[in-house]
Amino acid sequence: MKKLRANMDRYFDKLDERWQALPVRKQHQYTLYFFVGYLLLTAGVIFKVWYDTSKSGNDMIIEHIENPVLKKNGSPARLQDSVSRILKNQIYERK
């Protein structure tokens, strides 16, 4: 783990040195490009959420969560025994 951390530190140090070696004008240009990309991505997500929520028939139905085990038609004893039966089948099955 220490070796991984040391490698990451060296990589980020090299990356920082490369960034510092760029002219300030180029740094500002890259920063502006990243900000515009982030702004476009944010605007796209906000538009998508607005578009999806403005569609008609988009009602959210809130119901209680029902336990799927209780929906099954079987006896509780059979459900409790299913784990041991699965383990037995895995132990004794042919390979």
Protein backbone atom coordinates (compact mmCIF):
# COMPACT_ATOMS: atom_id res chain seq x y z
CA MET A 1 0.00 0.00 0.00
CA LYS A 2 2.87 2.34 0.77
CA LYS A 3 4.42 1.60 -2.61
CA LEU A 4 1.17 2.43 -4.37
CA ARG A 5 0.88 5.68 -2.47
CA ALA A 6 4.48 6.60 -3.29
CA ASN A 7 3.90 5.88 -6.99
CA MET A 8 0.77 8.02 -6.98
CA ASP A 9 2.60 10.85 -5.25
CA ARG A 10 5.38 10.73 -7.84
CA TYR A 11 2.85 10.69 -10.68
CA PHE A 12 0.98 13.69 -9.31
CA ASP A 13 4.23 15.55 -8.70
CA LYS A 14 5.25 15.00 -12.34
CA LEU A 15 1.80 16.11 -13.47
CA ASP A 16 2.08 19.25 -11.34
CA GLU A 17 5.51 20.01 -12.77
CA ARG A 18 4.14 19.70 -16.29
CA TRP A 19 1.28 22.04 -15.41
CA GLN A 20 3.67 24.59 -13.89
CA ALA A 21 5.86 24.39 -17.02
CA LEU A 22 2.97 25.55 -19.20
CA PRO A 23 2.71 29.29 -19.90
CA VAL A 24 0.16 31.09 -17.76
CA ARG A 25 -1.92 31.95 -20.82
CA LYS A 26 -2.18 28.25 -21.73
CA GLN A 27 -3.13 27.39 -18.12
CA HIS A 28 -5.93 29.95 -18.23
CA GLN A 29 -7.08 28.60 -21.59
CA TYR A 30 -7.24 24.99 -20.34
CA THR A 31 -9.01 26.08 -17.16
CA LEU A 32 -11.56 27.99 -19.23
CA TYR A 33 -12.15 24.95 -21.49
CA PHE A 34 -12.71 22.67 -18.50
CA PHE A 35 -15.08 25.19 -16.92
CA VAL A 36 -17.10 25.55 -20.15
CA GLY A 37 -17.29 21.75 -20.46
CA TYR A 38 -18.49 21.49 -16.87
CA LEU A 39 -21.02 24.26 -17.46
CA LEU A 40 -22.40 22.52 -20.58
CA LEU A 41 -22.63 19.20 -18.77
CA THR A 42 -24.47 20.81 -15.84
CA ALA A 43 -26.85 22.64 -18.17
CA GLY A 44 -27.54 19.39 -20.04
CA VAL A 45 -28.36 17.51 -16.84
CA ILE A 46 -30.61 20.31 -15.59
CA PHE A 47 -32.40 20.42 -18.95
CA LYS A 48 -32.87 16.64 -18.96
CA VAL A 49 -34.34 16.67 -15.44
CA TRP A 50 -36.60 19.58 -16.34
CA TYR A 51 -37.74 17.85 -19.54
CA ASP A 52 -38.45 14.52 -17.80
CA THR A 53 -40.42 16.12 -14.98
CA SER A 54 -42.45 18.33 -17.30
CA LYS A 55 -43.81 15.36 -19.28
CA SER A 56 -47.43 14.59 -18.53
CA GLY A 57 -48.25 11.29 -16.88
CA ASN A 58 -45.06 11.23 -14.83
CA ASP A 59 -46.75 10.60 -11.50
CA MET A 60 -44.80 8.99 -8.73
CA ILE A 61 -46.69 6.28 -6.91
CA ILE A 62 -45.51 5.72 -3.37
CA GLU A 63 -46.45 2.35 -1.91
CA HIS A 64 -45.31 0.18 0.94
CA ILE A 65 -42.57 -2.30 0.16
CA GLU A 66 -43.79 -5.85 0.46
CA ASN A 67 -41.58 -8.75 1.45
CA PRO A 68 -41.19 -11.06 -1.59
CA VAL A 69 -40.71 -14.09 0.68
CA LEU A 70 -44.20 -13.64 2.08
CA LYS A 71 -45.66 -13.45 -1.44
CA LYS A 72 -44.46 -16.98 -2.27
CA ASN A 73 -46.94 -19.79 -1.87
CA GLY A 74 -45.09 -22.15 0.41
CA SER A 75 -44.92 -23.21 3.98
CA PRO A 76 -42.54 -21.35 6.35
CA ALA A 77 -40.84 -24.66 7.25
CA ARG A 78 -39.95 -25.23 3.61
CA LEU A 79 -38.49 -21.73 3.31
CA GLN A 80 -36.33 -22.22 6.39
CA ASP A 81 -35.02 -25.54 5.11
CA SER A 82 -34.12 -24.22 1.65
CA VAL A 83 -30.68 -22.95 2.72
CA SER A 84 -29.57 -26.28 4.12
CA ARG A 85 -30.94 -28.07 1.06
CA ILE A 86 -28.99 -25.78 -1.28
CA LEU A 87 -25.80 -26.35 0.71
CA LYS A 88 -26.35 -30.12 0.69
CA ASN A 89 -26.87 -30.10 -3.07
CA GLN A 90 -23.65 -28.14 -3.57
CA ILE A 91 -21.65 -30.49 -1.33
CA TYR A 92 -22.91 -33.75 -2.81
CA GLU A 93 -23.35 -32.82 -6.44
CA ARG A 94 -21.24 -34.59 -9.03
CA LYS A 95 -18.46 -32.79 -10.79
